[in-house]
Protein backbone atom coordinates (compact mmCIF):
# COMPACT_ATOMS: atom_id res chain seq x y z
CA MET A 1 2.42 -0.89 4.71
CA ARG A 2 0.10 2.06 4.83
CA LEU A 3 -3.25 2.46 3.07
CA ILE A 4 -3.88 5.87 1.51
CA LEU A 5 -7.49 6.77 0.73
CA PRO A 6 -8.86 9.88 -1.02
CA GLY A 7 -8.34 12.83 1.33
CA ASP A 8 -5.42 11.18 3.18
CA ILE A 9 -1.95 12.71 3.16
CA SER A 10 0.56 10.67 1.18
CA GLY A 11 4.03 10.19 2.57
CA GLY A 12 5.73 9.33 -0.72
CA PRO A 13 7.70 11.56 -3.08
CA SER A 14 4.50 13.20 -4.30
CA SER A 15 3.39 13.89 -0.75
CA GLY A 16 0.21 15.85 -0.33
CA ILE A 17 -3.49 15.14 -0.23
CA HIS A 18 -4.34 12.03 -2.21
CA ASN A 19 -7.36 12.30 -4.50
CA GLY A 20 -7.34 9.04 -6.48
CA ASP A 21 -7.97 5.35 -6.05
CA PRO A 22 -6.67 3.69 -2.85
CA VAL A 23 -2.88 3.40 -2.77
CA VAL A 24 -0.67 1.22 -0.57
CA GLU A 25 2.65 2.72 0.52
CA PHE A 26 5.61 0.61 1.63
CA TYR A 27 8.26 1.81 4.08
CA ASP A 28 11.52 0.38 5.44
CA ALA A 29 10.99 0.73 9.18
CA ASP A 30 14.70 0.08 9.84
CA MET A 31 15.64 3.40 8.22
CA LYS A 32 14.78 6.98 9.15
CA GLY A 33 12.51 8.73 6.75
CA SER A 34 8.94 9.82 6.20
CA CYS A 35 6.75 11.23 8.92
CA VAL A 36 3.11 12.00 8.16
CA ASP A 37 0.70 13.59 10.63
CA GLY A 38 3.20 13.05 13.45
CA GLU A 39 3.72 9.33 12.75
CA CYS A 40 7.07 8.15 11.41
CA TYR A 41 7.00 5.12 9.14
CA GLY A 42 10.60 4.81 8.02
CA ARG A 43 12.13 5.35 4.59
CA PHE A 44 9.60 5.44 1.78
CA VAL A 45 10.23 2.55 -0.62
CA ALA A 46 7.34 2.40 -3.08
CA ASP A 47 3.64 2.88 -3.58
CA TYR A 48 1.15 0.95 -5.67
CA TYR A 49 -2.53 1.20 -6.40
CA MET A 50 -4.39 -1.34 -4.27
CA THR A 51 -5.80 -3.05 -7.38
CA THR A 52 -2.30 -3.40 -8.89
CA LEU A 53 -1.05 -5.11 -5.74
CA GLU A 54 -3.98 -7.50 -5.62
CA SER A 55 -3.28 -8.78 -9.13
CA ALA A 56 0.49 -8.91 -8.48
CA PHE A 57 0.01 -10.94 -5.28
CA GLU A 58 -2.29 -13.38 -7.09
CA ARG A 59 0.40 -14.03 -9.74
CA SER A 60 3.53 -14.23 -7.61
CA GLU A 61 4.87 -15.55 -4.34
CA THR A 62 7.47 -12.78 -4.07
CA MET A 63 7.48 -9.13 -5.06
CA SER A 64 10.28 -6.64 -5.57
CA LEU A 65 9.23 -3.28 -4.17
CA HIS A 66 12.23 -1.44 -5.57
CA ASP A 67 14.41 -2.95 -8.31
CA ALA A 68 17.50 -0.98 -7.28
CA ALA A 69 17.61 -2.53 -3.81
CA GLY A 70 17.29 -6.27 -3.38
CA VAL A 71 16.57 -5.84 0.32
CA TRP A 72 13.18 -4.35 -0.55
CA THR A 73 11.69 -7.60 -1.79
CA LEU A 74 8.76 -9.34 -0.15
CA ASP A 75 9.50 -13.04 0.31
CA ALA A 76 6.71 -15.64 0.22
CA ASN A 77 5.76 -15.13 3.90
CA ALA A 78 5.75 -11.33 3.66
CA THR A 79 3.76 -11.47 0.43
CA GLU A 80 1.16 -13.70 2.10
CA ASP A 81 0.97 -11.35 5.10
CA ALA A 82 0.62 -8.32 2.82
CA PHE A 83 -2.11 -10.05 0.80
CA LYS A 84 -4.03 -10.83 4.03
CA THR A 85 -3.68 -7.20 5.12
CA LEU A 86 -5.02 -6.04 1.75
CA ALA A 87 -7.98 -8.40 2.11
CA ASP A 88 -8.74 -6.97 5.57
CA TRP A 89 -8.48 -3.42 4.25
CA LYS A 90 -10.78 -4.32 1.38
CA LEU A 91 -13.42 -5.60 3.81
CA ASP A 92 -13.09 -2.41 5.85
CA LEU A 93 -13.59 -0.36 2.67
CA ILE A 94 -16.73 -2.30 1.79
CA GLU A 95 -18.16 -1.58 5.25
CA PHE A 96 -17.04 2.07 5.03
CA ASP A 97 -18.29 2.72 1.48
CA PRO A 98 -21.41 0.82 0.41
CA GLU A 99 -20.55 1.59 -3.23
CA PRO A 100 -16.84 0.67 -3.62
CA ALA A 101 -17.15 0.56 -7.42
CA GLU A 102 -17.05 4.37 -7.34
CA MET A 103 -13.45 4.06 -6.15
CA GLY A 104 -12.50 1.95 -9.16
CA MET A 105 -12.56 -1.34 -7.28
CA SER A 106 -14.42 -4.50 -8.11
CA PHE A 107 -15.10 -7.16 -5.50
């Protein structure tokens, strides 16, 4: 998982400087693929707005990241770990930006 904030370089298919709400990218580290700013993350699988993931994780114990490949599904443990990571990132964003509502997020 990789958090993309405004001004960061995205590693997905629409790679370039990101200018929207925070996005979370998912990579398959077992496969060769995307490298951004000298760091290689693996094969790009999917990206979702942070707010979309939060609501998805609240509703489900598992999550398919890519419907065409069953291997790219978060099981209950991975979903819980991802949700905890999102919560940590959210706290970091609150400390970084005293007005997170400007980024389209509500806490």
